[in-house]
């Protein structure tokens, strides 16, 4: 795994540390350790390709002015054989390092050598991480929040894999508890209304009102006929649940597959009840003195772990709560299946549950710090400058399936990953289908297609790219070329930063910037018509950019078209 930026920072640290030792030996710096210092990439490259704050960090221990420390470092710095051409002192004492052409050449070679692996890192060291996302209620279709959560979770999982983690994608199916009971009663009521007439039974006040409930009831009748109306409410509801729930779960899987989301595990909540996991977790909490009984219910002492109030684990009717099942589920993730890190993607309305669940992990003897939750804000669809609430096709509230009928999957995945999860998302439906540079996913894909077009056009004239010598790649010296190479080199760092921030929008921003820099290069630097050495060097640069664009688009689960 080659990381040109990390290599350059390592070289700077080596140069600075050796220069400091030489300065101490010469009596230009006192013989004492300097403080910890940092190395950053300046926003303005006229101030250097890298900046080091060694002098400011060492001012207290050396008891010298930072500028004087910096001058001593420069005086004793040896740059021969490094990727740097010069060091300058700026401002109060910043050490600004300027890259040598050899670094730029090496960076292009690194991309071409690594190919489809370029951008991967070893940050994760093979640690097992689970990303649980969407986990939509299987009693109805997926909504826009699920659409955003799906894109965020899937892309985050992909970035984690690129960063060297062993990643598992998981969908938690809520197929137990109150919502399933309500689902059964809703189906039963619609069934009776179809068979006996709408006035024959009152639909439950808190039932699921969606048209899909009536459709499912009718499908059961079409396949199995009538007769359930003669059975008990309990048997009728359960029969209809057993028929309808697998259909809904399959619909979830089909819609998500169309969205290019494929899970490693579909975990059923019912499993936790059937195998006794929920009961065991309640007993574990009881054995630790963390439960008590009140009003016939069993309570968990959540306040002992920082929560504002205690939580019910078992209702007075003897049924465990969703929270009890959630603790058992996360205990299973860590203690049973051995994940080192668990990431959940939830809607912002679940923010109050985050600290509660982390505290519960501590309560059962696990480390709540190994659980992270990405909270995402709401989505607002826009069409023609106005909020779009209804599907054009169905005339009803827009679901994930409706959205993917209206816009390309590429656009949906890109747009939902454009903003940090904790910010509101305005999704412009008209922009998502437009073929213009204003559409960011089109703009990025067009950069890839443009490179393919360049290669195709030259091939028609009998010109094909070949491996370049270092001397030929050294010809890439224009500012546009250097800027492009410099930015490509940051991809491994961007991958790591995305993981650390749990924010895949850093990847989409990287895509757009890379496409912008390529278009700048294309407009400023000719490929065709140049001397052989420079022509091949620029062709190699185009190949490197195409490879990086492909890698990043793959990370996002987006296609890289060769023509547009």
Protein backbone atom coordinates (compact mmCIF):
# COMPACT_ATOMS: atom_id res chain seq x y z
CA UNK A 1 0.00 0.00 0.00
CA UNK A 2 1.72 3.12 -1.22
CA UNK A 3 0.91 6.45 0.40
CA UNK A 4 3.01 9.24 -1.20
CA UNK A 5 1.79 11.82 1.33
CA UNK A 6 2.66 9.64 4.31
CA UNK A 7 6.05 8.90 2.79
CA UNK A 8 6.70 12.63 2.32
CA UNK A 9 5.68 13.39 5.91
CA UNK A 10 7.99 10.62 7.11
CA UNK A 11 10.84 12.14 5.15
CA UNK A 12 10.16 15.57 6.63
CA UNK A 13 10.21 14.16 10.17
CA UNK A 14 13.52 12.47 9.38
CA UNK A 15 15.00 15.66 7.87
CA UNK A 16 13.88 17.79 10.83
CA UNK A 17 15.00 15.33 13.51
CA UNK A 18 18.44 14.90 11.90
CA UNK A 19 18.81 18.66 11.43
CA UNK A 20 17.89 19.25 15.09
CA UNK A 21 20.52 16.70 16.21
CA UNK A 22 23.14 18.36 13.97
CA UNK A 23 22.19 21.80 15.31
CA UNK A 24 22.53 20.57 18.89
CA UNK A 25 25.95 19.07 18.08
CA UNK A 26 27.03 22.38 16.56
CA UNK A 27 25.81 24.33 19.60
CA UNK A 28 23.09 26.13 17.61
CA UNK A 29 20.32 24.54 19.68
CA UNK A 30 20.37 23.53 23.36
CA UNK A 31 20.69 19.82 24.13
CA UNK A 32 17.14 19.02 25.16
CA UNK A 33 14.16 17.30 23.52
CA UNK A 34 11.84 19.39 21.42
CA UNK A 35 8.08 19.26 21.85
CA UNK A 36 5.75 17.21 19.64
CA UNK A 37 5.27 18.84 16.28
CA UNK A 38 2.92 18.47 13.34
CA UNK A 39 3.22 18.37 9.56
CA UNK A 40 0.37 19.71 7.46
CA UNK A 41 -0.46 20.45 3.82
CA UNK A 42 -1.01 24.23 3.35
CA UNK A 43 -4.10 25.38 1.47
CA UNK A 44 -1.90 27.72 -0.60
CA UNK A 45 0.94 25.77 -2.25
CA UNK A 46 2.94 28.96 -2.86
CA UNK A 47 3.68 28.60 0.88
CA UNK A 48 5.13 25.15 0.26
CA UNK A 49 3.80 21.67 -0.31
CA UNK A 50 4.09 20.84 3.40
CA UNK A 51 4.43 22.99 6.52
CA UNK A 52 6.04 21.91 9.80
CA UNK A 53 5.58 23.69 13.17
CA UNK A 54 8.73 22.20 14.80
CA UNK A 55 10.06 25.64 15.79
CA UNK A 56 6.87 26.75 17.54
CA UNK A 57 6.53 23.39 19.32
CA UNK A 58 10.13 23.61 20.57
CA UNK A 59 10.14 27.27 21.64
CA UNK A 60 9.24 26.50 25.26
CA UNK A 61 11.83 23.73 25.81
CA UNK A 62 14.59 25.41 23.83
CA UNK A 63 13.74 28.81 25.37
CA UNK A 64 14.41 30.43 22.01
CA UNK A 65 12.42 32.45 19.49
CA UNK A 66 10.72 30.08 16.99
CA UNK A 67 12.22 31.95 14.05
CA UNK A 68 15.75 31.37 15.38
CA UNK A 69 15.00 27.66 15.88
CA UNK A 70 13.67 27.40 12.34
CA UNK A 71 16.79 29.09 10.93
CA UNK A 72 18.96 26.55 12.77
CA UNK A 73 16.98 23.65 11.28
CA UNK A 74 17.28 25.04 7.75
CA UNK A 75 21.02 25.62 8.20
CA UNK A 76 21.58 21.96 9.13
CA UNK A 77 18.96 20.27 6.93
CA UNK A 78 20.24 17.77 4.37
CA UNK A 79 17.86 17.42 1.40
CA UNK A 80 19.97 15.35 -0.95
CA UNK A 81 18.27 12.04 -1.82
CA UNK A 82 14.91 13.21 -0.43
CA UNK A 83 11.81 14.26 -2.35
CA UNK A 84 12.33 17.93 -1.46
CA UNK A 85 14.09 20.71 -3.32
CA UNK A 86 14.17 23.42 -0.62
CA UNK A 87 12.97 24.60 2.80
CA UNK A 88 11.88 28.15 3.61
CA UNK A 89 11.14 29.80 6.93
CA UNK A 90 7.84 31.69 6.97
CA UNK A 91 5.87 33.77 9.43
CA UNK A 92 6.71 33.22 13.10
CA UNK A 93 8.82 30.15 12.28
CA UNK A 94 6.98 27.70 10.03
CA UNK A 95 9.20 25.38 8.03
CA UNK A 96 7.80 25.24 4.51
CA UNK A 97 8.96 22.27 2.43
CA UNK A 98 8.85 22.32 -1.37
CA UNK A 99 8.65 19.02 -3.26
CA UNK A 100 11.21 18.01 -5.81
CA UNK A 101 10.11 16.79 -9.26
CA UNK A 102 11.17 13.27 -8.28
CA UNK A 103 8.30 13.12 -5.79
CA UNK A 104 5.72 13.98 -8.46
CA UNK A 105 7.17 11.35 -10.76
CA UNK A 106 7.13 8.79 -7.96
CA UNK A 107 3.51 9.60 -7.14
CA UNK A 108 2.37 8.92 -10.73
CA UNK A 109 4.36 5.67 -10.72
CA UNK A 110 2.74 4.69 -7.40
CA UNK A 111 -0.80 5.09 -8.79
CA UNK A 112 0.01 3.10 -11.92
CA UNK A 113 1.80 0.40 -9.92
CA UNK A 114 -0.98 -0.01 -7.36
CA UNK A 115 -3.75 0.18 -9.97
CA UNK A 116 -7.12 -0.96 -8.59
CA UNK A 117 -5.62 -1.11 -5.09
CA UNK A 118 -4.47 2.50 -5.04
CA UNK A 119 -6.10 4.30 -2.13
CA UNK A 120 -6.22 1.25 0.15
CA UNK A 121 -4.60 1.67 3.56
CA UNK A 122 -3.74 -0.49 6.55
CA UNK A 123 -5.51 1.74 9.09
CA UNK A 124 -7.89 -1.06 10.13
CA UNK A 125 -5.25 -3.77 10.55
CA UNK A 126 -7.87 -6.40 9.71
CA UNK A 127 -10.07 -5.56 12.70
CA UNK A 128 -13.64 -6.87 12.53
CA UNK A 129 -16.17 -4.07 12.10
CA UNK A 130 -19.91 -4.33 11.57
CA UNK A 131 -21.93 -1.61 9.89
CA UNK A 132 -25.63 -1.96 10.59
CA UNK A 133 -27.76 0.34 8.47
CA UNK A 134 -31.28 0.85 7.11
CA UNK A 135 -32.86 -1.90 9.27
CA UNK A 136 -36.24 -0.60 8.13
CA UNK A 137 -39.43 -1.79 9.72
CA UNK A 138 -40.56 -4.77 7.57
CA UNK A 139 -44.21 -3.81 7.96
CA UNK A 140 -44.10 -1.37 5.04
CA UNK A 141 -42.06 0.14 2.21
CA UNK A 142 -38.78 1.99 2.76
CA UNK A 143 -38.96 5.77 3.00
CA UNK A 144 -36.50 8.54 2.06
CA UNK A 145 -34.69 8.33 5.38
CA UNK A 146 -33.94 4.69 4.55
CA UNK A 147 -32.73 5.81 1.11
CA UNK A 148 -30.21 8.19 2.65
CA UNK A 149 -29.22 5.73 5.37
CA UNK A 150 -28.68 3.03 2.75
CA UNK A 151 -26.31 5.15 0.66
CA UNK A 152 -24.44 6.43 3.73
CA UNK A 153 -24.08 3.04 5.39
CA UNK A 154 -23.08 1.16 2.26
CA UNK A 155 -20.46 3.72 1.22
CA UNK A 156 -19.09 3.94 4.74
CA UNK A 157 -18.75 0.15 4.81
CA UNK A 158 -16.89 0.30 1.50
CA UNK A 159 -14.51 3.03 2.74
CA UNK A 160 -13.81 0.95 5.86
CA UNK A 161 -12.88 -2.01 3.66
CA UNK A 162 -10.53 0.21 1.65
CA UNK A 163 -8.95 1.27 4.95
CA UNK A 164 -8.08 -2.33 5.82
CA UNK A 165 -11.00 -3.38 8.03
CA UNK A 166 -12.77 -6.74 7.85
CA UNK A 167 -16.27 -5.38 7.21
CA UNK A 168 -19.68 -6.99 7.68
CA UNK A 169 -22.83 -5.26 6.43
CA UNK A 170 -25.91 -6.16 8.48
CA UNK A 171 -29.65 -5.54 8.31
CA UNK A 172 -31.58 -6.00 11.56
CA UNK A 173 -35.11 -7.24 10.83
CA UNK A 174 -37.57 -6.08 13.49
CA UNK A 175 -39.82 -9.13 13.18
CA UNK A 176 -40.95 -9.27 16.79
CA UNK A 177 -42.71 -7.05 19.26
CA UNK A 178 -45.43 -4.43 19.09
CA UNK A 179 -44.99 -3.42 15.45
CA UNK A 180 -45.48 -7.01 14.26
CA UNK A 181 -48.52 -7.41 16.48
CA UNK A 182 -49.92 -4.19 15.00
CA UNK A 183 -49.05 -5.47 11.49
CA UNK A 184 -51.06 -8.63 12.12
CA UNK A 185 -54.10 -6.74 13.45
CA UNK A 186 -53.98 -4.37 10.46
CA UNK A 187 -53.84 -7.28 8.01
CA UNK A 188 -56.68 -9.05 9.85
CA UNK A 189 -58.90 -5.96 9.71
CA UNK A 190 -58.31 -5.44 5.98
CA UNK A 191 -58.90 -9.14 5.34
CA UNK A 192 -62.27 -9.00 7.11
CA UNK A 193 -63.21 -5.79 5.29
CA UNK A 194 -62.48 -7.45 1.93
CA UNK A 195 -64.38 -10.65 2.78
CA UNK A 196 -67.26 -9.23 4.84
CA UNK A 197 -67.45 -5.60 3.70
CA UNK A 198 -65.80 -2.39 4.86
CA UNK A 199 -68.43 -1.84 7.57
CA UNK A 200 -68.00 -5.32 9.02
CA UNK A 201 -65.02 -4.36 11.19
CA UNK A 202 -63.51 -1.17 12.50
CA UNK A 203 -59.93 -0.68 11.44
CA UNK A 204 -57.60 -0.33 14.46
CA UNK A 205 -56.99 3.31 15.34
CA UNK A 206 -53.23 2.75 15.58
CA UNK A 207 -53.10 0.30 12.64
CA UNK A 208 -50.96 0.64 9.51
CA UNK A 209 -52.98 2.71 7.05
CA UNK A 210 -50.89 2.11 3.93
CA UNK A 211 -52.49 0.71 0.79
CA UNK A 212 -49.93 -2.10 0.86
CA UNK A 213 -51.78 -3.72 3.80
CA UNK A 214 -54.97 -4.15 1.75
CA UNK A 215 -52.92 -5.39 -1.22
CA UNK A 216 -51.29 -8.08 0.95
CA UNK A 217 -54.63 -9.18 2.39
CA UNK A 218 -56.09 -9.44 -1.12
CA UNK A 219 -53.06 -11.42 -2.32
CA UNK A 220 -53.58 -13.93 0.49
CA UNK A 221 -57.23 -14.36 -0.53
CA UNK A 222 -56.26 -14.74 -4.20
CA UNK A 223 -53.79 -17.50 -3.31
CA UNK A 224 -55.49 -19.26 -0.41
CA UNK A 225 -59.13 -18.29 -0.64
CA UNK A 226 -61.30 -17.27 2.32
CA UNK A 227 -62.02 -19.08 5.56
CA UNK A 228 -59.82 -17.18 7.99
CA UNK A 229 -62.82 -15.05 8.96
CA UNK A 230 -64.10 -18.11 10.86
CA UNK A 231 -60.90 -18.42 12.89
CA UNK A 232 -59.88 -16.64 16.07
CA UNK A 233 -58.36 -13.18 15.81
CA UNK A 234 -55.07 -14.56 17.10
CA UNK A 235 -54.86 -17.37 14.53
CA UNK A 236 -56.02 -15.12 11.68
CA UNK A 237 -53.46 -12.42 12.51
CA UNK A 238 -50.61 -14.91 12.85
CA UNK A 239 -51.51 -16.66 9.59
CA UNK A 240 -51.52 -13.36 7.75
CA UNK A 241 -48.21 -12.32 9.38
CA UNK A 242 -46.62 -15.62 8.32
CA UNK A 243 -47.82 -14.97 4.76
CA UNK A 244 -47.11 -11.25 4.43
CA UNK A 245 -43.89 -10.72 6.40
CA UNK A 246 -41.64 -12.86 4.13
CA UNK A 247 -43.07 -11.00 1.13
CA UNK A 248 -42.23 -7.64 2.71
CA UNK A 249 -38.74 -8.79 3.65
CA UNK A 250 -38.15 -10.02 0.10
CA UNK A 251 -39.36 -6.64 -1.21
CA UNK A 252 -36.83 -4.93 1.08
CA UNK A 253 -34.08 -7.15 -0.31
CA UNK A 254 -35.15 -6.54 -3.93
CA UNK A 255 -35.33 -2.74 -3.53
CA UNK A 256 -31.97 -2.63 -1.78
CA UNK A 257 -30.38 -4.85 -4.44
CA UNK A 258 -31.62 -2.39 -7.08
CA UNK A 259 -29.89 0.28 -4.96
CA UNK A 260 -26.68 -1.86 -5.20
CA UNK A 261 -26.78 -2.72 -1.52
CA UNK A 262 -26.07 -6.32 -0.59
CA UNK A 263 -25.87 -7.40 3.04
CA UNK A 264 -23.65 -10.09 4.47
CA UNK A 265 -26.15 -10.82 7.25
CA UNK A 266 -29.92 -10.41 7.64
CA UNK A 267 -30.38 -10.75 11.39
CA UNK A 268 -33.89 -11.50 12.74
CA UNK A 269 -34.93 -9.93 16.05
CA UNK A 270 -37.19 -12.95 16.62
CA UNK A 271 -34.04 -15.09 16.90
CA UNK A 272 -33.07 -13.24 20.08
CA UNK A 273 -36.39 -14.16 21.69
CA UNK A 274 -36.48 -17.73 20.42
CA UNK A 275 -32.95 -18.67 21.50
CA UNK A 276 -33.32 -17.06 24.94
CA UNK A 277 -30.83 -14.22 24.34
CA UNK A 278 -33.23 -11.56 25.62
CA UNK A 279 -33.97 -13.53 28.78
CA UNK A 280 -30.26 -14.13 29.42
CA UNK A 281 -29.38 -10.44 29.08
CA UNK A 282 -32.11 -9.52 31.60
CA UNK A 283 -30.73 -12.16 33.98
CA UNK A 284 -27.20 -10.81 33.49
CA UNK A 285 -28.32 -7.30 34.41
CA UNK A 286 -30.24 -8.68 37.38
CA UNK A 287 -27.17 -10.59 38.60
CA UNK A 288 -25.20 -7.35 38.52
CA UNK A 289 -27.78 -5.61 40.69
CA UNK A 290 -28.84 -3.35 37.82
CA UNK A 291 -32.58 -4.14 37.76
CA UNK A 292 -35.54 -3.60 40.05
CA UNK A 293 -39.30 -4.18 39.94
CA UNK A 294 -41.88 -1.42 39.93
CA UNK A 295 -45.56 -1.43 38.95
CA UNK A 296 -45.24 -5.07 37.89
CA UNK A 297 -42.48 -4.25 35.37
CA UNK A 298 -38.75 -4.98 35.40
CA UNK A 299 -36.61 -1.81 35.16
CA UNK A 300 -32.96 -1.29 34.20
CA UNK A 301 -30.95 1.22 36.25
CA UNK A 302 -29.93 3.29 33.25
CA UNK A 303 -29.23 6.30 35.50
CA UNK A 304 -26.26 4.38 36.95
CA UNK A 305 -24.64 4.72 33.53
CA UNK A 306 -25.31 8.34 32.82
CA UNK A 307 -28.86 8.24 31.45
CA UNK A 308 -31.49 10.72 32.61
CA UNK A 309 -34.03 8.05 33.54
CA UNK A 310 -34.29 4.32 34.09
CA UNK A 311 -35.73 2.11 31.36
CA UNK A 312 -38.29 -0.71 31.34
CA UNK A 313 -36.91 -4.09 30.28
CA UNK A 314 -40.02 -6.23 30.80
CA UNK A 315 -43.52 -4.77 30.72
CA UNK A 316 -46.12 -5.60 33.34
CA UNK A 317 -47.72 -8.01 30.81
CA UNK A 318 -44.49 -10.02 30.77
CA UNK A 319 -43.35 -8.93 27.28
CA UNK A 320 -39.76 -7.69 26.92
CA UNK A 321 -39.32 -4.18 25.52
CA UNK A 322 -37.58 -3.21 22.31
CA UNK A 323 -34.74 -1.84 24.44
CA UNK A 324 -34.19 -5.23 26.10
CA UNK A 325 -33.95 -6.84 22.66
CA UNK A 326 -31.60 -4.07 21.50
CA UNK A 327 -29.21 -4.73 24.41
CA UNK A 328 -29.29 -8.47 23.64
CA UNK A 329 -28.67 -7.75 19.96
CA UNK A 330 -25.62 -5.59 20.61
CA UNK A 331 -24.33 -8.06 23.21
CA UNK A 332 -24.54 -10.64 20.42
CA UNK A 333 -22.53 -8.37 18.11
CA UNK A 334 -19.66 -7.97 20.55
CA UNK A 335 -19.63 -10.95 22.92
CA UNK A 336 -20.98 -13.71 20.66
CA UNK A 337 -19.75 -12.75 17.18
CA UNK A 338 -16.62 -10.96 18.31
CA UNK A 339 -16.76 -7.65 16.44
CA UNK A 340 -14.06 -5.18 17.47
CA UNK A 341 -16.08 -2.17 16.39
CA UNK A 342 -19.77 -1.68 15.67
CA UNK A 343 -21.21 1.25 13.72
CA UNK A 344 -24.95 1.91 13.50
CA UNK A 345 -26.49 4.38 11.06
CA UNK A 346 -29.64 5.87 12.61
CA UNK A 347 -32.02 8.74 12.00
CA UNK A 348 -31.42 11.85 14.09
CA UNK A 349 -34.65 11.16 16.00
CA UNK A 350 -32.76 8.32 17.76
CA UNK A 351 -30.15 10.64 19.29
CA UNK A 352 -31.47 10.04 22.81
CA UNK A 353 -30.90 6.31 22.44
CA UNK A 354 -27.17 6.56 21.68
CA UNK A 355 -25.82 7.22 25.18
CA UNK A 356 -28.43 4.83 26.62
CA UNK A 357 -27.24 1.92 24.48
CA UNK A 358 -23.54 2.70 25.01
CA UNK A 359 -24.21 2.75 28.75
CA UNK A 360 -26.00 -0.59 28.51
CA UNK A 361 -22.92 -2.10 26.86
CA UNK A 362 -20.86 -0.96 29.83
CA UNK A 363 -23.53 -2.37 32.14
CA UNK A 364 -23.25 -5.89 30.66
CA UNK A 365 -19.46 -5.87 30.93
CA UNK A 366 -18.57 -4.69 27.43
CA UNK A 367 -16.95 -1.47 26.21
CA UNK A 368 -19.58 1.03 25.10
CA UNK A 369 -16.79 3.05 23.49
CA UNK A 370 -16.56 0.40 20.77
CA UNK A 371 -20.07 1.28 19.61
CA UNK A 372 -20.42 4.31 17.33
CA UNK A 373 -23.61 5.73 15.92
CA UNK A 374 -23.85 7.90 12.81
CA UNK A 375 -26.90 10.13 13.17
CA UNK A 376 -28.30 11.42 9.90
CA UNK A 377 -30.63 14.33 9.39
CA UNK A 378 -33.77 14.45 7.29
CA UNK A 379 -34.07 14.48 3.51
CA UNK A 380 -36.06 17.08 1.60
CA UNK A 381 -36.77 16.31 -2.04
CA UNK A 382 -36.99 19.30 -4.37
CA UNK A 383 -38.56 19.49 -7.82
CA UNK A 384 -38.71 22.77 -9.75
CA UNK A 385 -37.66 24.73 -6.69
CA UNK A 386 -40.53 23.32 -4.60
CA UNK A 387 -40.70 20.53 -2.04
CA UNK A 388 -41.72 17.25 -3.70
CA UNK A 389 -43.86 15.12 -1.40
CA UNK A 390 -45.66 12.82 -3.82
CA UNK A 391 -44.45 10.29 -6.31
CA UNK A 392 -45.20 11.13 -9.96
CA UNK A 393 -45.96 7.47 -10.58
CA UNK A 394 -48.16 6.61 -7.60
CA UNK A 395 -49.36 10.00 -6.39
CA UNK A 396 -48.44 8.86 -2.86
CA UNK A 397 -45.56 9.59 -0.47
CA UNK A 398 -42.24 8.91 -2.19
CA UNK A 399 -40.59 5.64 -1.22
CA UNK A 400 -37.12 4.34 -2.06
CA UNK A 401 -38.62 2.30 -4.90
CA UNK A 402 -40.35 5.42 -6.29
CA UNK A 403 -37.12 7.41 -6.08
CA UNK A 404 -35.16 4.81 -8.04
CA UNK A 405 -37.89 4.76 -10.69
CA UNK A 406 -37.40 8.49 -11.20
CA UNK A 407 -33.62 8.97 -10.99
CA UNK A 408 -30.53 6.85 -11.76
CA UNK A 409 -29.03 4.78 -8.95
CA UNK A 410 -25.67 6.51 -9.52
CA UNK A 411 -27.22 9.90 -8.81
CA UNK A 412 -29.07 8.71 -5.71
CA UNK A 413 -25.96 7.18 -4.15
CA UNK A 414 -23.80 10.20 -4.98
CA UNK A 415 -26.28 12.86 -3.87
CA UNK A 416 -27.00 11.20 -0.52
CA UNK A 417 -23.26 11.07 0.17
CA UNK A 418 -22.60 14.70 -0.72
CA UNK A 419 -23.33 16.11 2.70
CA UNK A 420 -22.12 15.19 6.14
CA UNK A 421 -24.68 12.85 7.76
CA UNK A 422 -25.44 15.35 10.53
CA UNK A 423 -26.60 18.00 8.04
CA UNK A 424 -29.99 18.23 6.35
CA UNK A 425 -30.06 16.92 2.81
CA UNK A 426 -31.81 18.84 0.02
CA UNK A 427 -32.09 16.51 -2.94
CA UNK A 428 -32.78 18.21 -6.29
CA UNK A 429 -34.60 15.64 -8.44
CA UNK A 430 -34.22 17.67 -11.65
CA UNK A 431 -30.49 18.20 -11.11
CA UNK A 432 -30.04 14.46 -10.46
CA UNK A 433 -31.18 13.60 -14.01
CA UNK A 434 -29.57 16.54 -15.82
CA UNK A 435 -26.63 15.94 -18.15
CA UNK A 436 -24.64 19.02 -17.27
CA UNK A 437 -21.57 20.06 -15.31
CA UNK A 438 -23.93 21.31 -12.60
CA UNK A 439 -24.79 17.69 -11.81
CA UNK A 440 -21.82 16.54 -9.69
CA UNK A 441 -22.07 12.82 -10.47
CA UNK A 442 -22.38 13.53 -14.21
CA UNK A 443 -19.40 15.91 -13.93
CA UNK A 444 -17.23 13.23 -12.30
CA UNK A 445 -18.33 10.46 -14.66
CA UNK A 446 -17.73 12.76 -17.63
CA UNK A 447 -14.10 13.23 -16.54
CA UNK A 448 -13.65 9.45 -16.65
CA UNK A 449 -15.39 9.19 -20.03
CA UNK A 450 -13.29 12.08 -21.39
CA UNK A 451 -10.05 10.21 -20.57
CA UNK A 452 -11.42 7.08 -22.27
CA UNK A 453 -12.28 9.23 -25.29
CA UNK A 454 -8.72 10.67 -25.43
CA UNK A 455 -7.25 7.16 -25.39
CA UNK A 456 -9.72 5.94 -28.04
CA UNK A 457 -9.03 8.92 -30.33
CA UNK A 458 -5.26 8.42 -30.13
CA UNK A 459 -5.60 4.65 -30.64
CA UNK A 460 -7.41 5.38 -33.92
CA UNK A 461 -4.23 7.17 -35.02
CA UNK A 462 -2.04 4.29 -33.92
CA UNK A 463 -0.87 5.94 -30.69
CA UNK A 464 -1.09 3.84 -27.54
CA UNK A 465 0.20 4.52 -24.05
CA UNK A 466 3.33 2.71 -22.97
CA UNK A 467 5.37 2.55 -19.77
CA UNK A 468 7.40 5.73 -19.33
CA UNK A 469 10.92 6.21 -18.09
CA UNK A 470 11.41 8.36 -15.00
CA UNK A 471 13.05 10.95 -17.26
CA UNK A 472 9.88 11.13 -19.35
CA UNK A 473 7.61 11.44 -16.31
CA UNK A 474 9.91 14.18 -15.03
CA UNK A 475 8.57 16.27 -17.95
CA UNK A 476 5.25 16.73 -16.08
CA UNK A 477 6.15 20.12 -14.66
CA UNK A 478 3.30 22.51 -15.40
CA UNK A 479 1.34 23.81 -12.43
CA UNK A 480 -1.81 22.01 -13.68
CA UNK A 481 0.08 18.70 -13.87
CA UNK A 482 1.66 19.11 -10.46
CA UNK A 483 -1.62 20.14 -8.87
CA UNK A 484 -3.32 17.07 -10.33
CA UNK A 485 -0.60 14.68 -9.15
CA UNK A 486 -0.41 16.30 -5.72
CA UNK A 487 -4.15 15.84 -5.25
CA UNK A 488 -4.19 12.24 -6.47
CA UNK A 489 -1.55 11.48 -3.88
CA UNK A 490 -3.89 12.49 -1.05
CA UNK A 491 -6.43 9.69 -1.67
CA UNK A 492 -5.10 7.27 1.00
CA UNK A 493 -5.20 10.10 3.55
CA UNK A 494 -8.75 11.01 2.49
CA UNK A 495 -9.82 7.39 2.96
CA UNK A 496 -8.36 7.37 6.48
CA UNK A 497 -9.92 10.75 7.30
CA UNK A 498 -13.33 9.48 6.12
CA UNK A 499 -13.07 6.52 8.46
CA UNK A 500 -11.98 8.61 11.43
CA UNK A 501 -14.85 11.06 10.89
CA UNK A 502 -17.33 8.32 9.85
CA UNK A 503 -18.13 10.60 6.94
CA UNK A 504 -18.21 9.30 3.35
CA UNK A 505 -18.97 12.79 2.00
CA UNK A 506 -15.21 13.34 2.05
CA UNK A 507 -15.01 10.81 -0.79
CA UNK A 508 -17.62 12.55 -2.98
CA UNK A 509 -15.89 15.90 -2.38
CA UNK A 510 -12.60 14.27 -3.40
CA UNK A 511 -14.21 12.98 -6.62
CA UNK A 512 -15.51 16.39 -7.64
CA UNK A 513 -12.19 18.12 -6.91
CA UNK A 514 -10.22 15.49 -8.84
CA UNK A 515 -12.55 15.89 -11.84
CA UNK A 516 -12.15 19.69 -11.63
CA UNK A 517 -8.35 19.44 -11.60
CA UNK A 518 -8.40 17.02 -14.52
CA UNK A 519 -10.58 19.35 -16.60
CA UNK A 520 -8.15 22.20 -15.77
CA UNK A 521 -5.24 20.04 -16.94
CA UNK A 522 -7.12 19.02 -20.11
CA UNK A 523 -7.82 22.64 -21.03
CA UNK A 524 -4.24 23.81 -20.35
CA UNK A 525 -2.05 20.92 -21.53
CA UNK A 526 -2.12 19.22 -24.94
CA UNK A 527 -1.61 15.51 -25.26
CA UNK A 528 -1.86 15.03 -29.00
CA UNK A 529 0.80 16.74 -31.06
CA UNK A 530 3.46 16.89 -28.34
CA UNK A 531 6.91 15.30 -28.61
CA UNK A 532 6.95 11.56 -27.94
CA UNK A 533 8.33 11.77 -24.40
CA UNK A 534 5.90 14.43 -23.19
CA UNK A 535 2.97 12.83 -25.05
CA UNK A 536 3.58 9.51 -23.31
CA UNK A 537 4.10 11.18 -19.94
CA UNK A 538 0.73 12.92 -20.26
CA UNK A 539 -0.92 9.73 -21.45
CA UNK A 540 0.42 8.01 -18.32
CA UNK A 541 -0.90 10.86 -16.22
CA UNK A 542 -4.33 10.40 -17.87
CA UNK A 543 -4.19 6.67 -17.11
CA UNK A 544 -3.37 7.43 -13.47
CA UNK A 545 -6.29 9.88 -13.15
CA UNK A 546 -8.66 7.39 -14.79
CA UNK A 547 -7.54 4.71 -12.33
CA UNK A 548 -8.10 6.95 -9.32
CA UNK A 549 -11.54 8.02 -10.59
CA UNK A 550 -12.49 4.36 -11.07
CA UNK A 551 -11.28 3.47 -7.60
CA UNK A 552 -13.20 6.28 -5.94
CA UNK A 553 -16.39 5.63 -7.90
CA UNK A 554 -16.13 1.94 -7.02
CA UNK A 555 -15.82 2.97 -3.36
CA UNK A 556 -19.12 4.84 -3.73
CA UNK A 557 -20.82 2.03 -5.63
CA UNK A 558 -21.15 4.21 -8.74
CA UNK A 559 -20.44 3.25 -12.34
CA UNK A 560 -17.50 4.62 -14.33
CA UNK A 561 -18.82 4.93 -17.93
CA UNK A 562 -16.37 4.93 -20.83
CA UNK A 563 -18.58 7.11 -23.02
CA UNK A 564 -21.30 9.69 -22.33
